[in-house]
Protein backbone atom coordinates (compact mmCIF):
# COMPACT_ATOMS: atom_id res chain seq x y z
CA MET A 1 1.66 6.66 -11.87
CA ASN A 2 -0.29 3.55 -11.90
CA LYS A 3 -1.19 1.62 -8.80
CA LEU A 4 1.74 -1.12 -9.12
CA LYS A 5 4.21 1.48 -9.25
CA LYS A 6 2.91 3.10 -6.05
CA CYS A 7 2.97 -0.21 -4.11
CA VAL A 8 6.37 -0.72 -5.12
CA LEU A 9 7.66 2.42 -3.90
CA MET A 10 5.60 2.33 -0.67
CA GLU A 11 7.20 -0.99 0.08
CA GLN A 12 10.87 0.08 -0.45
CA SER A 13 13.08 -0.31 2.67
CA LEU A 14 15.17 2.62 3.84
CA LEU A 15 18.42 2.21 5.54
CA ASN A 16 19.34 4.68 8.22
CA VAL A 17 22.79 6.05 7.72
CA GLY A 18 22.55 8.52 10.75
CA HIS A 19 21.27 11.84 11.61
CA ARG A 20 17.66 10.99 10.03
CA ASN A 21 19.15 10.28 6.86
CA THR A 22 18.22 7.15 4.74
CA VAL A 23 19.06 5.52 1.49
CA ALA A 24 17.23 3.06 -0.49
CA ALA A 25 18.36 -0.26 0.98
CA ASP A 26 17.86 -2.47 -2.22
CA ARG A 27 20.09 0.02 -4.10
CA VAL A 28 23.26 -0.52 -1.75
CA ILE A 29 26.26 -2.17 -3.28
CA ALA A 30 28.80 -1.93 -0.58
CA ILE A 31 29.40 -0.45 2.81
CA LEU A 32 33.14 0.35 3.48
CA ALA A 33 35.04 1.44 6.34
CA TYR A 34 36.75 4.93 5.93
CA ASN A 35 40.23 4.07 7.08
CA SER A 36 42.16 3.39 3.89
CA ALA A 37 43.81 5.27 1.25
CA PRO A 38 41.82 3.62 -1.67
CA VAL A 39 38.43 4.21 -0.08
CA LYS A 40 39.53 8.06 0.51
CA ARG A 41 40.45 8.21 -3.20
CA LEU A 42 37.12 6.80 -4.05
CA LYS A 43 35.45 9.60 -2.04
CA ASP A 44 37.65 12.30 -3.72
CA ASP A 45 36.73 10.87 -7.34
CA ALA A 46 33.01 10.97 -6.38
CA LYS A 47 33.39 14.58 -5.13
CA ASP A 48 35.13 15.43 -8.47
CA ASP A 49 32.37 13.88 -10.50
CA LYS A 50 29.83 15.35 -8.27
CA ARG A 51 28.41 11.90 -7.16
CA LEU A 52 29.18 12.35 -3.62
CA ILE A 53 26.52 12.60 -0.90
CA ASP A 54 27.42 13.87 2.43
CA ALA A 55 25.38 12.72 5.22
CA THR A 56 27.70 13.56 8.03
CA PHE A 57 26.29 16.74 9.08
CA GLY A 58 30.03 17.87 9.79
CA ARG A 59 30.77 15.19 11.79
CA LYS A 60 33.93 12.71 11.17
CA THR A 61 33.31 10.24 8.19
CA ARG A 62 33.17 6.65 9.55
CA SER A 63 31.83 4.70 6.49
CA ILE A 64 31.18 5.01 2.93
CA ILE A 65 28.08 3.47 1.21
CA ILE A 66 28.34 2.85 -2.48
CA MET A 67 24.89 2.79 -4.37
CA ASP A 68 24.04 1.07 -7.59
CA SER A 69 23.79 4.55 -9.17
CA ASN A 70 27.40 5.05 -8.49
CA HIS A 71 26.94 7.59 -6.08
CA VAL A 72 29.12 7.67 -2.83
CA VAL A 73 27.24 8.54 0.49
CA LEU A 74 29.43 9.50 3.48
CA SER A 75 27.97 8.55 6.92
CA ALA A 76 29.10 9.27 10.47
CA ILE A 77 28.15 5.92 11.65
CA GLN A 78 30.58 3.05 11.78
CA GLU A 79 30.43 0.42 8.98
CA GLU A 80 29.46 -2.35 11.46
CA THR A 81 26.48 -0.41 12.58
CA VAL A 82 25.52 0.34 9.14
CA ALA A 83 26.09 -3.21 8.03
CA GLN A 84 23.90 -4.51 10.93
CA ARG A 85 20.94 -2.33 10.16
CA TYR A 86 21.18 -3.37 6.43
CA ALA A 87 21.20 -7.12 7.55
CA THR A 88 18.15 -6.53 9.80
CA LEU A 89 16.35 -4.90 6.98
CA MET A 90 16.96 -7.55 4.51
CA GLU A 91 16.20 -10.18 7.20
CA ALA A 92 12.73 -8.65 7.76
CA GLN A 93 12.15 -8.22 3.94
CA HIS A 94 12.77 -11.81 3.43
CA LYS A 95 10.48 -12.82 6.35
CA LYS A 96 7.74 -10.52 4.70
CA LYS A 97 8.13 -12.20 1.38
CA GLY A 98 7.75 -15.51 2.84
CA GLU A 99 4.82 -14.64 4.47
CA GLU A 100 2.82 -13.59 1.30
């Protein structure tokens, strides 16, 4: 792996989705609440297609994160909390780019 790829990989921001699980923040498409029938169908479809990642550790699912790879990540953290963490990461990333 060349040095440029190593630098890009090391600067990747990770979004905490609960219970010491993280996802690549720059690959997140949507953060959804898990309280509607369409979202639950989305989860079921992802499970059938083997695109589901369960990061709840057996706890109640409170939010779903859609990734650009079409994977669906289940989280036991409220969607507002995940969204707030995402916004904080993106803000820090923009500040860092501005300093360079």
